[in-house]
Amino acid sequence: MTSYQEAFERKEVKYRLDAAQRSAMLTALEGRMAVDDYGTTSIVSRYFDTPDRALIERSLDKPLYKEKLRVRSYGIPGEDDQVFVELKKKYQGIVYKRRVGCSYAAARAYMGG
């Protein structure tokens, strides 16, 4: 099993590419980078919020600080497959993420209360 990091601190910068830009980028990366074990996997994320949707409403306002709670899997998980319960916090453009790995069944039980 691949090891994973439980805590992260990073700055995220996201770019939107059109088809021509994507093609040019893939051509430029050819021979320099290779698809890893997760490169062809579906990533499944389920986000959790308060009953009044306070987390997403706050996030949409682009505040200085925001947080998200989610369960993430790499591939469609079975009951015994590993998933990650993650808490993401963003402050002044820096993302802090903590996560714990557990079975999908355990994550569902925990997140379901």
N, C-alpha and C. Protein backbone atom coordinates (compact mmCIF):
# COMPACT_ATOMS: atom_id res chain seq x y z
N MET A 1 0.83 -1.18 0.00
CA MET A 1 0.00 0.00 0.00
C MET A 1 0.88 1.25 0.00
N THR A 2 0.48 2.24 -0.74
CA THR A 2 1.21 3.49 -0.81
C THR A 2 1.05 4.26 0.49
N SER A 3 2.16 4.83 0.99
CA SER A 3 2.05 5.65 2.20
C SER A 3 1.46 7.00 1.82
N TYR A 4 0.94 7.69 2.78
CA TYR A 4 0.35 8.99 2.52
C TYR A 4 0.70 9.95 3.62
N GLN A 5 0.62 11.21 3.29
CA GLN A 5 0.92 12.27 4.24
C GLN A 5 -0.37 12.67 4.95
N GLU A 6 -0.31 12.85 6.25
CA GLU A 6 -1.51 13.17 7.01
C GLU A 6 -1.76 14.66 7.15
N ALA A 7 -0.74 15.49 6.95
CA ALA A 7 -0.91 16.94 7.07
C ALA A 7 -0.19 17.62 5.92
N PHE A 8 -0.81 18.64 5.38
CA PHE A 8 -0.27 19.35 4.24
C PHE A 8 -0.32 20.85 4.51
N GLU A 9 0.60 21.56 3.92
CA GLU A 9 0.55 23.02 3.87
C GLU A 9 1.04 23.39 2.49
N ARG A 10 0.21 24.06 1.72
CA ARG A 10 0.60 24.40 0.35
C ARG A 10 -0.21 25.57 -0.17
N LYS A 11 0.31 26.16 -1.21
CA LYS A 11 -0.42 27.22 -1.92
C LYS A 11 -0.95 26.60 -3.20
N GLU A 12 -2.24 26.73 -3.41
CA GLU A 12 -2.87 26.18 -4.61
C GLU A 12 -3.07 27.28 -5.63
N VAL A 13 -2.68 27.01 -6.86
CA VAL A 13 -2.95 27.90 -7.98
C VAL A 13 -3.59 27.05 -9.06
N LYS A 14 -4.78 27.43 -9.47
CA LYS A 14 -5.52 26.65 -10.45
C LYS A 14 -5.67 27.46 -11.74
N TYR A 15 -5.57 26.76 -12.84
CA TYR A 15 -5.68 27.41 -14.14
C TYR A 15 -6.73 26.69 -14.97
N ARG A 16 -7.47 27.43 -15.73
CA ARG A 16 -8.43 26.85 -16.66
C ARG A 16 -7.77 26.82 -18.03
N LEU A 17 -7.76 25.64 -18.67
CA LEU A 17 -7.15 25.48 -19.98
C LEU A 17 -8.21 25.15 -21.02
N ASP A 18 -8.06 25.74 -22.19
CA ASP A 18 -8.93 25.30 -23.29
C ASP A 18 -8.27 24.08 -23.94
N ALA A 19 -8.91 23.49 -24.94
CA ALA A 19 -8.41 22.25 -25.55
C ALA A 19 -7.03 22.43 -26.16
N ALA A 20 -6.77 23.55 -26.81
CA ALA A 20 -5.47 23.79 -27.44
C ALA A 20 -4.38 23.93 -26.38
N GLN A 21 -4.67 24.63 -25.30
CA GLN A 21 -3.69 24.80 -24.22
C GLN A 21 -3.39 23.46 -23.54
N ARG A 22 -4.43 22.66 -23.35
CA ARG A 22 -4.24 21.34 -22.75
C ARG A 22 -3.34 20.48 -23.62
N SER A 23 -3.60 20.48 -24.91
CA SER A 23 -2.80 19.71 -25.84
C SER A 23 -1.34 20.16 -25.83
N ALA A 24 -1.12 21.47 -25.83
CA ALA A 24 0.24 22.01 -25.80
C ALA A 24 0.95 21.63 -24.51
N MET A 25 0.23 21.67 -23.39
CA MET A 25 0.83 21.31 -22.11
C MET A 25 1.23 19.84 -22.09
N LEU A 26 0.34 18.95 -22.56
CA LEU A 26 0.65 17.53 -22.58
C LEU A 26 1.85 17.24 -23.48
N THR A 27 1.94 17.93 -24.60
CA THR A 27 3.09 17.77 -25.50
C THR A 27 4.38 18.22 -24.80
N ALA A 28 4.33 19.34 -24.11
CA ALA A 28 5.51 19.86 -23.40
C ALA A 28 5.95 18.91 -22.28
N LEU A 29 5.02 18.21 -21.65
CA LEU A 29 5.35 17.32 -20.54
C LEU A 29 5.78 15.93 -20.99
N GLU A 30 5.51 15.59 -22.24
CA GLU A 30 5.82 14.27 -22.76
C GLU A 30 7.31 13.97 -22.59
N GLY A 31 7.61 12.81 -22.02
CA GLY A 31 9.00 12.43 -21.79
C GLY A 31 9.59 13.00 -20.52
N ARG A 32 8.91 13.94 -19.89
CA ARG A 32 9.40 14.54 -18.64
C ARG A 32 8.61 14.07 -17.42
N MET A 33 7.37 13.70 -17.66
CA MET A 33 6.52 13.23 -16.56
C MET A 33 5.77 12.00 -17.03
N ALA A 34 5.40 11.14 -16.08
CA ALA A 34 4.64 9.94 -16.41
C ALA A 34 3.43 9.86 -15.48
N VAL A 35 2.39 9.24 -15.97
CA VAL A 35 1.18 9.03 -15.17
C VAL A 35 1.52 8.07 -14.04
N ASP A 36 1.14 8.43 -12.80
CA ASP A 36 1.39 7.55 -11.66
C ASP A 36 0.20 6.62 -11.43
N ASP A 37 0.21 5.91 -10.31
CA ASP A 37 -0.86 4.94 -10.01
C ASP A 37 -2.24 5.58 -9.97
N TYR A 38 -2.30 6.85 -9.61
CA TYR A 38 -3.60 7.52 -9.48
C TYR A 38 -4.00 8.27 -10.75
N GLY A 39 -3.15 8.33 -11.73
CA GLY A 39 -3.38 9.14 -12.92
C GLY A 39 -4.59 8.77 -13.74
N THR A 40 -5.00 7.54 -13.69
CA THR A 40 -6.17 7.12 -14.47
C THR A 40 -7.34 6.73 -13.58
N THR A 41 -7.28 7.11 -12.33
CA THR A 41 -8.29 6.74 -11.34
C THR A 41 -9.32 7.86 -11.19
N SER A 42 -10.54 7.47 -10.96
CA SER A 42 -11.56 8.45 -10.61
C SER A 42 -11.34 8.89 -9.17
N ILE A 43 -11.43 10.18 -8.92
CA ILE A 43 -11.33 10.70 -7.56
C ILE A 43 -12.74 11.07 -7.13
N VAL A 44 -13.18 10.51 -6.03
CA VAL A 44 -14.53 10.74 -5.54
C VAL A 44 -14.44 11.54 -4.24
N SER A 45 -15.10 12.69 -4.22
CA SER A 45 -15.11 13.54 -3.02
C SER A 45 -16.54 13.82 -2.62
N ARG A 46 -16.85 13.61 -1.35
CA ARG A 46 -18.16 13.95 -0.81
C ARG A 46 -17.95 14.99 0.27
N TYR A 47 -18.53 16.17 0.05
CA TYR A 47 -18.37 17.27 0.99
C TYR A 47 -19.52 17.29 1.99
N PHE A 48 -19.23 17.72 3.21
CA PHE A 48 -20.22 17.79 4.27
C PHE A 48 -20.39 19.24 4.69
N ASP A 49 -21.59 19.58 5.11
CA ASP A 49 -21.90 20.96 5.47
C ASP A 49 -22.91 20.95 6.62
N THR A 50 -23.19 22.12 7.13
CA THR A 50 -24.21 22.28 8.16
C THR A 50 -25.59 22.24 7.49
N PRO A 51 -26.66 22.02 8.26
CA PRO A 51 -28.00 21.99 7.66
C PRO A 51 -28.35 23.28 6.91
N ASP A 52 -27.81 24.41 7.35
CA ASP A 52 -28.12 25.68 6.67
C ASP A 52 -27.07 26.06 5.62
N ARG A 53 -26.21 25.11 5.25
CA ARG A 53 -25.20 25.29 4.20
C ARG A 53 -24.20 26.41 4.52
N ALA A 54 -23.85 26.55 5.79
CA ALA A 54 -22.97 27.64 6.21
C ALA A 54 -21.58 27.56 5.61
N LEU A 55 -21.03 26.36 5.46
CA LEU A 55 -19.66 26.24 4.94
C LEU A 55 -19.57 26.67 3.48
N ILE A 56 -20.49 26.20 2.65
CA ILE A 56 -20.42 26.58 1.23
C ILE A 56 -20.78 28.04 1.03
N GLU A 57 -21.75 28.53 1.78
CA GLU A 57 -22.11 29.95 1.67
C GLU A 57 -20.92 30.83 2.01
N ARG A 58 -20.24 30.48 3.08
CA ARG A 58 -19.05 31.25 3.48
C ARG A 58 -17.96 31.14 2.42
N SER A 59 -17.74 29.96 1.91
CA SER A 59 -16.70 29.74 0.90
C SER A 59 -16.95 30.57 -0.35
N LEU A 60 -18.21 30.67 -0.76
CA LEU A 60 -18.55 31.43 -1.96
C LEU A 60 -18.31 32.93 -1.80
N ASP A 61 -18.28 33.39 -0.54
CA ASP A 61 -18.00 34.81 -0.27
C ASP A 61 -16.51 35.15 -0.38
N LYS A 62 -15.66 34.14 -0.63
CA LYS A 62 -14.21 34.33 -0.74
C LYS A 62 -13.61 35.03 0.48
N PRO A 63 -13.83 34.47 1.67
CA PRO A 63 -13.30 35.11 2.88
C PRO A 63 -11.80 34.87 3.04
N LEU A 64 -11.21 35.55 3.98
CA LEU A 64 -9.79 35.38 4.31
C LEU A 64 -9.53 33.97 4.84
N TYR A 65 -10.51 33.42 5.57
CA TYR A 65 -10.40 32.07 6.14
C TYR A 65 -11.64 31.27 5.76
N LYS A 66 -11.43 30.02 5.33
CA LYS A 66 -12.56 29.13 5.09
C LYS A 66 -12.12 27.70 5.33
N GLU A 67 -13.10 26.82 5.51
CA GLU A 67 -12.79 25.42 5.75
C GLU A 67 -13.83 24.53 5.07
N LYS A 68 -13.39 23.28 4.78
CA LYS A 68 -14.25 22.28 4.16
C LYS A 68 -13.99 20.94 4.81
N LEU A 69 -15.02 20.12 4.91
CA LEU A 69 -14.92 18.77 5.44
C LEU A 69 -15.38 17.82 4.35
N ARG A 70 -14.56 16.80 4.08
CA ARG A 70 -14.93 15.87 3.02
C ARG A 70 -14.39 14.48 3.28
N VAL A 71 -14.96 13.52 2.54
CA VAL A 71 -14.43 12.17 2.46
C VAL A 71 -14.00 11.99 1.02
N ARG A 72 -12.76 11.52 0.82
CA ARG A 72 -12.20 11.38 -0.53
C ARG A 72 -11.71 9.96 -0.74
N SER A 73 -11.96 9.43 -1.94
CA SER A 73 -11.42 8.12 -2.31
C SER A 73 -10.81 8.21 -3.69
N TYR A 74 -9.89 7.32 -3.94
CA TYR A 74 -9.26 7.22 -5.26
C TYR A 74 -9.82 5.95 -5.87
N GLY A 75 -10.79 6.11 -6.74
CA GLY A 75 -11.57 5.00 -7.27
C GLY A 75 -12.87 4.90 -6.50
N ILE A 76 -13.79 4.10 -7.00
CA ILE A 76 -15.07 3.89 -6.34
C ILE A 76 -14.83 2.92 -5.19
N PRO A 77 -15.06 3.36 -3.93
CA PRO A 77 -14.67 2.51 -2.80
C PRO A 77 -15.67 1.40 -2.48
N GLY A 78 -15.13 0.26 -2.08
CA GLY A 78 -15.91 -0.81 -1.48
C GLY A 78 -15.87 -0.62 0.02
N GLU A 79 -16.65 -1.36 0.76
CA GLU A 79 -16.74 -1.20 2.21
C GLU A 79 -15.39 -1.25 2.91
N ASP A 80 -14.49 -2.11 2.46
CA ASP A 80 -13.20 -2.29 3.13
C ASP A 80 -12.07 -1.48 2.50
N ASP A 81 -12.35 -0.73 1.43
CA ASP A 81 -11.32 0.07 0.77
C ASP A 81 -10.98 1.31 1.59
N GLN A 82 -9.74 1.76 1.45
CA GLN A 82 -9.30 2.94 2.19
C GLN A 82 -9.84 4.22 1.55
N VAL A 83 -10.34 5.10 2.40
CA VAL A 83 -10.75 6.45 2.01
C VAL A 83 -10.09 7.41 3.01
N PHE A 84 -10.23 8.70 2.76
CA PHE A 84 -9.63 9.70 3.64
C PHE A 84 -10.70 10.67 4.11
N VAL A 85 -10.78 10.87 5.42
CA VAL A 85 -11.61 11.92 5.99
C VAL A 85 -10.69 13.13 6.12
N GLU A 86 -11.04 14.23 5.46
CA GLU A 86 -10.15 15.38 5.35
C GLU A 86 -10.80 16.67 5.85
N LEU A 87 -10.03 17.46 6.55
CA LEU A 87 -10.42 18.80 6.93
C LEU A 87 -9.47 19.75 6.23
N LYS A 88 -10.01 20.58 5.35
CA LYS A 88 -9.21 21.56 4.62
C LYS A 88 -9.51 22.94 5.15
N LYS A 89 -8.45 23.68 5.44
CA LYS A 89 -8.59 25.06 5.89
C LYS A 89 -7.75 25.91 4.96
N LYS A 90 -8.27 27.06 4.60
CA LYS A 90 -7.54 27.99 3.74
C LYS A 90 -7.50 29.34 4.42
N TYR A 91 -6.28 29.85 4.59
CA TYR A 91 -6.09 31.15 5.23
C TYR A 91 -5.07 31.94 4.43
N GLN A 92 -5.47 33.11 3.98
CA GLN A 92 -4.61 34.00 3.19
C GLN A 92 -3.96 33.27 2.03
N GLY A 93 -4.73 32.43 1.35
CA GLY A 93 -4.25 31.76 0.15
C GLY A 93 -3.44 30.50 0.39
N ILE A 94 -3.16 30.15 1.64
CA ILE A 94 -2.42 28.93 1.95
C ILE A 94 -3.42 27.87 2.42
N VAL A 95 -3.31 26.67 1.84
CA VAL A 95 -4.20 25.56 2.18
C VAL A 95 -3.51 24.67 3.22
N TYR A 96 -4.22 24.39 4.30
CA TYR A 96 -3.77 23.46 5.32
C TYR A 96 -4.75 22.30 5.32
N LYS A 97 -4.24 21.09 5.17
CA LYS A 97 -5.14 19.94 5.09
C LYS A 97 -4.65 18.86 6.05
N ARG A 98 -5.58 18.32 6.82
CA ARG A 98 -5.30 17.18 7.67
C ARG A 98 -6.25 16.06 7.24
N ARG A 99 -5.71 14.86 7.21
CA ARG A 99 -6.58 13.75 6.83
C ARG A 99 -6.17 12.49 7.56
N VAL A 100 -7.14 11.60 7.69
CA VAL A 100 -6.90 10.31 8.30
C VAL A 100 -7.48 9.25 7.37
N GLY A 101 -6.73 8.19 7.17
CA GLY A 101 -7.19 7.10 6.34
C GLY A 101 -7.95 6.08 7.16
N CYS A 102 -9.01 5.57 6.59
CA CYS A 102 -9.79 4.53 7.25
C CYS A 102 -10.60 3.79 6.18
N SER A 103 -11.29 2.75 6.58
CA SER A 103 -12.14 2.04 5.61
C SER A 103 -13.35 2.91 5.26
N TYR A 104 -13.90 2.65 4.09
CA TYR A 104 -15.09 3.38 3.67
C TYR A 104 -16.23 3.16 4.67
N ALA A 105 -16.36 1.93 5.16
CA ALA A 105 -17.42 1.63 6.13
C ALA A 105 -17.23 2.45 7.41
N ALA A 106 -15.98 2.58 7.87
CA ALA A 106 -15.72 3.36 9.09
C ALA A 106 -16.00 4.84 8.85
N ALA A 107 -15.61 5.36 7.70
CA ALA A 107 -15.86 6.77 7.38
C ALA A 107 -17.36 7.05 7.33
N ARG A 108 -18.11 6.16 6.69
CA ARG A 108 -19.57 6.36 6.63
C ARG A 108 -20.19 6.34 8.02
N ALA A 109 -19.73 5.44 8.86
CA ALA A 109 -20.28 5.35 10.23
C ALA A 109 -19.94 6.61 11.00
N TYR A 110 -18.71 7.07 10.89
CA TYR A 110 -18.27 8.26 11.63
C TYR A 110 -18.99 9.52 11.13
N MET A 111 -19.03 9.71 9.83
CA MET A 111 -19.63 10.93 9.27
C MET A 111 -21.14 10.91 9.39
N GLY A 112 -21.72 9.73 9.50
CA GLY A 112 -23.17 9.64 9.65
C GLY A 112 -23.65 9.88 11.07
N GLY A 113 -22.72 10.09 12.00
CA GLY A 113 -23.07 10.40 13.37
C GLY A 113 -23.12 9.20 14.26
